Amino acid sequence: MKGSPFITRSVLGVAFAGLLAAGAFAQSPDPTPQQQDVQNDRKDIRQDKRDLAKDRADRNQDQRDVNKDKSDLNKDRVDRNQDQRDIHHDRRDLNKDRVDRNKDQRDISKDKNQLARDDKKFGVNSAQAQADRKDLHNDRLDRNKDQRDINHDRTDLNKDRAERNQDQHDINKDKQDLHSDRVDRNKDQRDINKDKRDLHKDRKDLHRDLHPKHR
């Protein structure tokens, strides 16, 4: 029980020290204007760094978009050029098949005339008439085949034209996207440059506020 007065004095001492600390804290003066400027400068610098990081991220994303647009544009141009070559090839095939079809049609007309003459001259069942009928049949087969080729060439030509037009549409859109992404990229770069200037200025302000005698 002899230790009780000592414990009591210790508790009172701690309590008194706490009161002094609380009083000192309550009586601590507000930050001076210089300290406030330093705090504001540091806050501005932190904000500048965040802005700079965000604008760099935006600029890098825009650059990736620009690179993708260029890749898409090159690919669509390759496709468009290939479709254009296909169109030229289809036209040549179509022209060739038309020439063949027209020649077959002339042969058919010639065979008909020859058949009529041979029927009249040698008889319907004569060897000459039978040969004429065979030639006429073969020329009709050739003519029909050429007409099917012509129809097929027209289908290919229309299909290749549609693909060429779609590729040209994609090219035009790629160009618009590329232009838009370049504008965004350039704007972000300007923002980055401005952020760097702001950061440099705020650092100078902080240095002046920390070392007022150097002003």
C-alpha atoms as a PDB file:
ATOM      1  CA  MET A   1       0.000   0.000   0.000  1.00  0.00           C
ATOM      2  CA  LYS A   2       3.010   2.266   0.305  1.00  0.00           C
ATOM      3  CA  GLY A   3       3.214   2.535  -3.475  1.00  0.00           C
ATOM      4  CA  SER A   4      -0.198   4.170  -3.783  1.00  0.00           C
ATOM      5  CA  PRO A   5       0.990   7.799  -3.306  1.00  0.00           C
ATOM      6  CA  PHE A   6       3.666   7.258  -5.964  1.00  0.00           C
ATOM      7  CA  ILE A   7       1.130   5.872  -8.419  1.00  0.00           C
ATOM      8  CA  THR A   8      -1.214   8.750  -7.679  1.00  0.00           C
ATOM      9  CA  ARG A   9       1.502  11.324  -8.295  1.00  0.00           C
ATOM     10  CA  SER A  10       2.449   9.577 -11.596  1.00  0.00           C
ATOM     11  CA  VAL A  11      -1.128   9.614 -12.852  1.00  0.00           C
ATOM     12  CA  LEU A  12      -1.494  13.257 -11.943  1.00  0.00           C
ATOM     13  CA  GLY A  13       1.775  14.051 -13.675  1.00  0.00           C
ATOM     14  CA  VAL A  14       0.703  12.370 -16.899  1.00  0.00           C
ATOM     15  CA  ALA A  15      -2.642  14.138 -16.810  1.00  0.00           C
ATOM     16  CA  PHE A  16      -0.968  17.494 -16.230  1.00  0.00           C
ATOM     17  CA  ALA A  17       1.446  16.890 -19.115  1.00  0.00           C
ATOM     18  CA  GLY A  18      -1.509  16.063 -21.362  1.00  0.00           C
ATOM     19  CA  LEU A  19      -3.233  19.281 -20.414  1.00  0.00           C
ATOM     20  CA  LEU A  20      -0.098  21.265 -21.180  1.00  0.00           C
ATOM     21  CA  ALA A  21       0.252  19.565 -24.568  1.00  0.00           C
ATOM     22  CA  ALA A  22      -3.395  20.198 -25.381  1.00  0.00           C
ATOM     23  CA  GLY A  23      -3.031  23.818 -24.363  1.00  0.00           C
ATOM     24  CA  ALA A  24       0.091  24.217 -26.436  1.00  0.00           C
ATOM     25  CA  PHE A  25      -1.653  22.658 -29.446  1.00  0.00           C
ATOM     26  CA  ALA A  26      -4.679  24.867 -28.974  1.00  0.00           C
ATOM     27  CA  GLN A  27      -2.475  27.908 -28.780  1.00  0.00           C
ATOM     28  CA  SER A  28      -0.285  26.934 -31.797  1.00  0.00           C
ATOM     29  CA  PRO A  29      -0.340  29.761 -34.324  1.00  0.00           C
ATOM     30  CA  ASP A  30      -1.922  29.424 -37.805  1.00  0.00           C
ATOM     31  CA  PRO A  31       0.443  28.691 -40.698  1.00  0.00           C
ATOM     32  CA  THR A  32       2.284  31.756 -41.853  1.00  0.00           C
ATOM     33  CA  PRO A  33       1.607  33.048 -45.378  1.00  0.00           C
ATOM     34  CA  GLN A  34       4.938  31.584 -46.447  1.00  0.00           C
ATOM     35  CA  GLN A  35       3.996  28.144 -45.075  1.00  0.00           C
ATOM     36  CA  GLN A  36       0.606  28.384 -46.746  1.00  0.00           C
ATOM     37  CA  ASP A  37       2.278  29.232 -50.060  1.00  0.00           C
ATOM     38  CA  VAL A  38       4.584  26.237 -49.692  1.00  0.00           C
ATOM     39  CA  GLN A  39       1.614  23.954 -49.018  1.00  0.00           C
ATOM     40  CA  ASN A  40      -0.244  25.344 -52.028  1.00  0.00           C
ATOM     41  CA  ASP A  41       2.815  24.980 -54.237  1.00  0.00           C
ATOM     42  CA  ARG A  42       3.258  21.348 -53.236  1.00  0.00           C
ATOM     43  CA  LYS A  43      -0.428  20.709 -53.853  1.00  0.00           C
ATOM     44  CA  ASP A  44      -0.139  22.322 -57.299  1.00  0.00           C
ATOM     45  CA  ILE A  45       2.905  20.190 -58.091  1.00  0.00           C
ATOM     46  CA  ARG A  46       1.059  16.992 -57.140  1.00  0.00           C
ATOM     47  CA  GLN A  47      -1.866  18.031 -59.334  1.00  0.00           C
ATOM     48  CA  ASP A  48       0.495  18.886 -62.201  1.00  0.00           C
ATOM     49  CA  LYS A  49       2.076  15.434 -61.968  1.00  0.00           C
ATOM     50  CA  ARG A  50      -1.338  13.762 -62.052  1.00  0.00           C
ATOM     51  CA  ASP A  51      -2.389  15.867 -65.052  1.00  0.00           C
ATOM     52  CA  LEU A  52       0.876  15.104 -66.814  1.00  0.00           C
ATOM     53  CA  ALA A  53       0.532  11.345 -66.227  1.00  0.00           C
ATOM     54  CA  LYS A  54      -3.074  11.361 -67.469  1.00  0.00           C
ATOM     55  CA  ASP A  55      -2.274  13.380 -70.598  1.00  0.00           C
ATOM     56  CA  ARG A  56       0.671  11.109 -71.377  1.00  0.00           C
ATOM     57  CA  ALA A  57      -1.597   8.066 -71.046  1.00  0.00           C
ATOM     58  CA  ASP A  58      -4.146   9.721 -73.364  1.00  0.00           C
ATOM     59  CA  ARG A  59      -1.421  10.677 -75.846  1.00  0.00           C
ATOM     60  CA  ASN A  60      -0.029   7.135 -75.866  1.00  0.00           C
ATOM     61  CA  GLN A  61      -3.502   5.659 -76.412  1.00  0.00           C
ATOM     62  CA  ASP A  62      -4.122   8.105 -79.261  1.00  0.00           C
ATOM     63  CA  GLN A  63      -0.790   7.128 -80.803  1.00  0.00           C
ATOM     64  CA  ARG A  64      -1.801   3.469 -80.645  1.00  0.00           C
ATOM     65  CA  ASP A  65      -5.093   4.414 -82.323  1.00  0.00           C
ATOM     66  CA  VAL A  66      -3.161   6.306 -85.015  1.00  0.00           C
ATOM     67  CA  ASN A  67      -0.937   3.284 -85.624  1.00  0.00           C
ATOM     68  CA  LYS A  68      -3.970   0.986 -85.857  1.00  0.00           C
ATOM     69  CA  ASP A  69      -5.707   3.389 -88.248  1.00  0.00           C
ATOM     70  CA  LYS A  70      -2.621   3.387 -90.479  1.00  0.00           C
ATOM     71  CA  SER A  71      -2.544  -0.409 -90.448  1.00  0.00           C
ATOM     72  CA  ASP A  72      -6.266  -0.614 -91.266  1.00  0.00           C
ATOM     73  CA  LEU A  73      -5.866   1.972 -94.003  1.00  0.00           C
ATOM     74  CA  ASN A  74      -2.977   0.092 -95.618  1.00  0.00           C
ATOM     75  CA  LYS A  75      -4.868  -3.211 -95.431  1.00  0.00           C
ATOM     76  CA  ASP A  76      -8.018  -1.719 -96.960  1.00  0.00           C
ATOM     77  CA  ARG A  77      -5.961  -0.147 -99.730  1.00  0.00           C
ATOM     78  CA  VAL A  78      -4.406  -3.534-100.498  1.00  0.00           C
ATOM     79  CA  ASP A  79      -7.881  -5.099-100.595  1.00  0.00           C
ATOM     80  CA  ARG A  80      -9.236  -2.273-102.756  1.00  0.00           C
ATOM     81  CA  ASN A  81      -6.357  -2.620-105.210  1.00  0.00           C
ATOM     82  CA  GLN A  82      -6.812  -6.393-105.368  1.00  0.00           C
ATOM     83  CA  ASP A  83     -10.531  -5.946-106.031  1.00  0.00           C
ATOM     84  CA  GLN A  84      -9.714  -3.453-108.778  1.00  0.00           C
ATOM     85  CA  ARG A  85      -7.373  -5.993-110.387  1.00  0.00           C
ATOM     86  CA  ASP A  86     -10.139  -8.582-110.126  1.00  0.00           C
ATOM     87  CA  ILE A  87     -12.517  -6.155-111.846  1.00  0.00           C
ATOM     88  CA  HIS A  88     -10.075  -5.686-114.715  1.00  0.00           C
ATOM     89  CA  HIS A  89      -9.681  -9.460-114.974  1.00  0.00           C
ATOM     90  CA  ASP A  90     -13.469  -9.953-114.956  1.00  0.00           C
ATOM     91  CA  ARG A  91     -13.861  -7.375-117.701  1.00  0.00           C
ATOM     92  CA  ARG A  92     -11.285  -9.113-119.862  1.00  0.00           C
ATOM     93  CA  ASP A  93     -12.980 -12.468-119.304  1.00  0.00           C
ATOM     94  CA  LEU A  94     -16.369 -10.951-120.027  1.00  0.00           C
ATOM     95  CA  ASN A  95     -15.158  -9.353-123.247  1.00  0.00           C
ATOM     96  CA  LYS A  96     -13.472 -12.577-124.337  1.00  0.00           C
ATOM     97  CA  ASP A  97     -16.569 -14.664-123.627  1.00  0.00           C
ATOM     98  CA  ARG A  98     -18.737 -12.162-125.501  1.00  0.00           C
ATOM     99  CA  VAL A  99     -16.440 -12.405-128.507  1.00  0.00           C
ATOM    100  CA  ASP A 100     -16.642 -16.208-128.348  1.00  0.00           C
ATOM    101  CA  ARG A 101     -20.410 -16.128-127.902  1.00  0.00           C
ATOM    102  CA  ASN A 102     -20.826 -13.789-130.877  1.00  0.00           C
ATOM    103  CA  LYS A 103     -18.592 -15.977-133.010  1.00  0.00           C
ATOM    104  CA  ASP A 104     -20.608 -19.044-132.013  1.00  0.00           C
ATOM    105  CA  GLN A 105     -23.787 -17.199-132.916  1.00  0.00           C
ATOM    106  CA  ARG A 106     -22.380 -16.378-136.352  1.00  0.00           C
ATOM    107  CA  ASP A 107     -21.386 -20.043-136.762  1.00  0.00           C
ATOM    108  CA  ILE A 108     -24.911 -21.067-135.827  1.00  0.00           C
ATOM    109  CA  SER A 109     -26.377 -18.721-138.426  1.00  0.00           C
ATOM    110  CA  LYS A 110     -23.934 -20.047-140.988  1.00  0.00           C
ATOM    111  CA  ASP A 111     -24.758 -23.663-140.054  1.00  0.00           C
ATOM    112  CA  LYS A 112     -28.465 -22.962-140.417  1.00  0.00           C
ATOM    113  CA  ASN A 113     -27.987 -21.527-143.902  1.00  0.00           C
ATOM    114  CA  GLN A 114     -25.723 -24.419-144.888  1.00  0.00           C
ATOM    115  CA  LEU A 115     -28.246 -26.945-143.525  1.00  0.00           C
ATOM    116  CA  ALA A 116     -31.072 -25.339-145.479  1.00  0.00           C
ATOM    117  CA  ARG A 117     -29.033 -25.489-148.697  1.00  0.00           C
ATOM    118  CA  ASP A 118     -27.948 -29.095-148.138  1.00  0.00           C
ATOM    119  CA  ASP A 119     -31.472 -30.178-147.222  1.00  0.00           C
ATOM    120  CA  LYS A 120     -32.706 -28.681-150.449  1.00  0.00           C
ATOM    121  CA  LYS A 121     -29.809 -29.909-152.557  1.00  0.00           C
ATOM    122  CA  PHE A 122     -29.053 -33.340-151.093  1.00  0.00           C
ATOM    123  CA  GLY A 123     -32.134 -34.140-149.034  1.00  0.00           C
ATOM    124  CA  VAL A 124     -32.967 -34.026-145.370  1.00  0.00           C
ATOM    125  CA  ASN A 125     -31.393 -37.390-144.598  1.00  0.00           C
ATOM    126  CA  SER A 126     -28.270 -36.888-146.676  1.00  0.00           C
ATOM    127  CA  ALA A 127     -24.797 -37.174-145.167  1.00  0.00           C
ATOM    128  CA  GLN A 128     -24.186 -33.492-145.845  1.00  0.00           C
ATOM    129  CA  ALA A 129     -27.379 -32.496-144.024  1.00  0.00           C
ATOM    130  CA  GLN A 130     -26.553 -34.790-141.087  1.00  0.00           C
ATOM    131  CA  ALA A 131     -23.054 -33.238-140.808  1.00  0.00           C
ATOM    132  CA  ASP A 132     -24.610 -29.755-140.900  1.00  0.00           C
ATOM    133  CA  ARG A 133     -26.992 -30.680-138.089  1.00  0.00           C
ATOM    134  CA  LYS A 134     -24.080 -31.986-136.003  1.00  0.00           C
ATOM    135  CA  ASP A 135     -22.112 -28.758-136.563  1.00  0.00           C
ATOM    136  CA  LEU A 136     -25.175 -26.731-135.684  1.00  0.00           C
ATOM    137  CA  HIS A 137     -25.672 -28.727-132.485  1.00  0.00           C
ATOM    138  CA  ASN A 138     -22.016 -28.295-131.443  1.00  0.00           C
ATOM    139  CA  ASP A 139     -22.069 -24.578-132.162  1.00  0.00           C
ATOM    140  CA  ARG A 140     -25.210 -24.183-130.073  1.00  0.00           C
ATOM    141  CA  LEU A 141     -23.508 -26.022-127.207  1.00  0.00           C
ATOM    142  CA  ASP A 142     -20.522 -23.698-127.519  1.00  0.00           C
ATOM    143  CA  ARG A 143     -22.764 -20.659-127.682  1.00  0.00           C
ATOM    144  CA  ASN A 144     -24.710 -21.753-124.590  1.00  0.00           C
ATOM    145  CA  LYS A 145     -21.490 -22.426-122.679  1.00  0.00           C
ATOM    146  CA  ASP A 146     -20.154 -19.005-123.620  1.00  0.00           C
ATOM    147  CA  GLN A 147     -23.427 -17.439-122.463  1.00  0.00           C
ATOM    148  CA  ARG A 148     -23.101 -19.213-119.102  1.00  0.00           C
ATOM    149  CA  ASP A 149     -19.530 -17.938-118.865  1.00  0.00           C
ATOM    150  CA  ILE A 150     -20.772 -14.433-119.627  1.00  0.00           C
ATOM    151  CA  ASN A 151     -23.412 -14.689-116.899  1.00  0.00           C
ATOM    152  CA  HIS A 152     -20.789 -15.969-114.468  1.00  0.00           C
ATOM    153  CA  ASP A 153     -18.384 -13.156-115.428  1.00  0.00           C
ATOM    154  CA  ARG A 154     -21.123 -10.593-114.844  1.00  0.00           C
ATOM    155  CA  THR A 155     -21.791 -12.043-111.397  1.00  0.00           C
ATOM    156  CA  ASP A 156     -18.081 -11.949-110.544  1.00  0.00           C
ATOM    157  CA  LEU A 157     -17.784  -8.425-111.894  1.00  0.00           C
ATOM    158  CA  ASN A 158     -20.730  -7.181-109.833  1.00  0.00           C
ATOM    159  CA  LYS A 159     -19.391  -8.941-106.733  1.00  0.00           C
ATOM    160  CA  ASP A 160     -15.890  -7.507-107.179  1.00  0.00           C
ATOM    161  CA  ARG A 161     -17.317  -4.033-107.792  1.00  0.00           C
ATOM    162  CA  ALA A 162     -19.349  -4.275-104.588  1.00  0.00           C
ATOM    163  CA  GLU A 163     -16.247  -5.378-102.660  1.00  0.00           C
ATOM    164  CA  ARG A 164     -14.167  -2.620-104.253  1.00  0.00           C
ATOM    165  CA  ASN A 165     -16.784  -0.044-103.300  1.00  0.00           C
ATOM    166  CA  GLN A 166     -16.946  -1.382 -99.746  1.00  0.00           C
ATOM    167  CA  ASP A 167     -13.157  -1.253 -99.485  1.00  0.00           C
ATOM    168  CA  GLN A 168     -13.195   2.328-100.761  1.00  0.00           C
ATOM    169  CA  HIS A 169     -15.821   3.161 -98.153  1.00  0.00           C
ATOM    170  CA  ASP A 170     -13.591   1.585 -95.483  1.00  0.00           C
ATOM    171  CA  ILE A 171     -10.622   3.580 -96.780  1.00  0.00           C
ATOM    172  CA  ASN A 172     -12.569   6.829 -96.516  1.00  0.00           C
ATOM    173  CA  LYS A 173     -13.634   5.957 -92.963  1.00  0.00           C
ATOM    174  CA  ASP A 174     -10.063   4.972 -92.045  1.00  0.00           C
ATOM    175  CA  LYS A 175      -8.859   8.344 -93.295  1.00  0.00           C
ATOM    176  CA  GLN A 176     -11.447  10.141 -91.162  1.00  0.00           C
ATOM    177  CA  ASP A 177     -10.530   8.057 -88.101  1.00  0.00           C
ATOM    178  CA  LEU A 178      -6.846   8.667 -88.717  1.00  0.00           C
ATOM    179  CA  HIS A 179      -7.382  12.407 -88.992  1.00  0.00           C
ATOM    180  CA  SER A 180      -9.511  12.471 -85.834  1.00  0.00           C
ATOM    181  CA  ASP A 181      -6.989  10.410 -83.852  1.00  0.00           C
ATOM    182  CA  ARG A 182      -4.121  12.593 -85.041  1.00  0.00           C
ATOM    183  CA  VAL A 183      -6.032  15.683 -83.893  1.00  0.00           C
ATOM    184  CA  ASP A 184      -6.586  14.057 -80.489  1.00  0.00           C
ATOM    185  CA  ARG A 185      -2.959  12.970 -80.272  1.00  0.00           C
ATOM    186  CA  ASN A 186      -1.705  16.444 -81.123  1.00  0.00           C
ATOM    187  CA  LYS A 187      -4.050  18.040 -78.591  1.00  0.00           C
ATOM    188  CA  ASP A 188      -2.814  15.651 -75.895  1.00  0.00           C
ATOM    189  CA  GLN A 189       0.764  16.533 -76.801  1.00  0.00           C
ATOM    190  CA  ARG A 190      -0.054  20.218 -76.400  1.00  0.00           C
ATOM    191  CA  ASP A 191      -1.620  19.427 -73.026  1.00  0.00           C
ATOM    192  CA  ILE A 192       1.533  17.541 -72.037  1.00  0.00           C
ATOM    193  CA  ASN A 193       3.681  20.509 -73.012  1.00  0.00           C
ATOM    194  CA  LYS A 194       1.425  22.821 -70.985  1.00  0.00           C
ATOM    195  CA  ASP A 195       1.547  20.451 -67.996  1.00  0.00           C
ATOM    196  CA  LYS A 196       5.346  20.461 -68.152  1.00  0.00           C
ATOM    197  CA  ARG A 197       5.386  24.264 -68.165  1.00  0.00           C
ATOM    198  CA  ASP A 198       2.951  24.374 -65.245  1.00  0.00           C
ATOM    199  CA  LEU A 199       5.024  21.841 -63.319  1.00  0.00           C
ATOM    200  CA  HIS A 200       8.209  23.792 -63.967  1.00  0.00           C
ATOM    201  CA  LYS A 201       6.531  27.046 -62.881  1.00  0.00           C
ATOM    202  CA  ASP A 202       5.094  25.511 -59.689  1.00  0.00           C
ATOM    203  CA  ARG A 203       8.478  24.044 -58.795  1.00  0.00           C
ATOM    204  CA  LYS A 204      10.037  27.494 -59.213  1.00  0.00           C
ATOM    205  CA  ASP A 205       7.310  28.966 -57.010  1.00  0.00           C
ATOM    206  CA  LEU A 206       8.012  26.325 -54.364  1.00  0.00           C
ATOM    207  CA  HIS A 207      11.734  27.048 -54.485  1.00  0.00           C
ATOM    208  CA  ARG A 208      11.092  30.796 -54.069  1.00  0.00           C
ATOM    209  CA  ASP A 209       8.727  30.188 -51.169  1.00  0.00           C
ATOM    210  CA  LEU A 210      11.236  27.869 -49.466  1.00  0.00           C
ATOM    211  CA  HIS A 211      14.093  30.308 -50.015  1.00  0.00           C
ATOM    212  CA  PRO A 212      12.560  33.805 -49.843  1.00  0.00           C
ATOM    213  CA  LYS A 213      15.963  35.449 -49.463  1.00  0.00           C
ATOM    214  CA  HIS A 214      16.821  34.339 -53.005  1.00  0.00           C
ATOM    215  CA  ARG A 215      13.949  36.282 -54.510  1.00  0.00           C
END
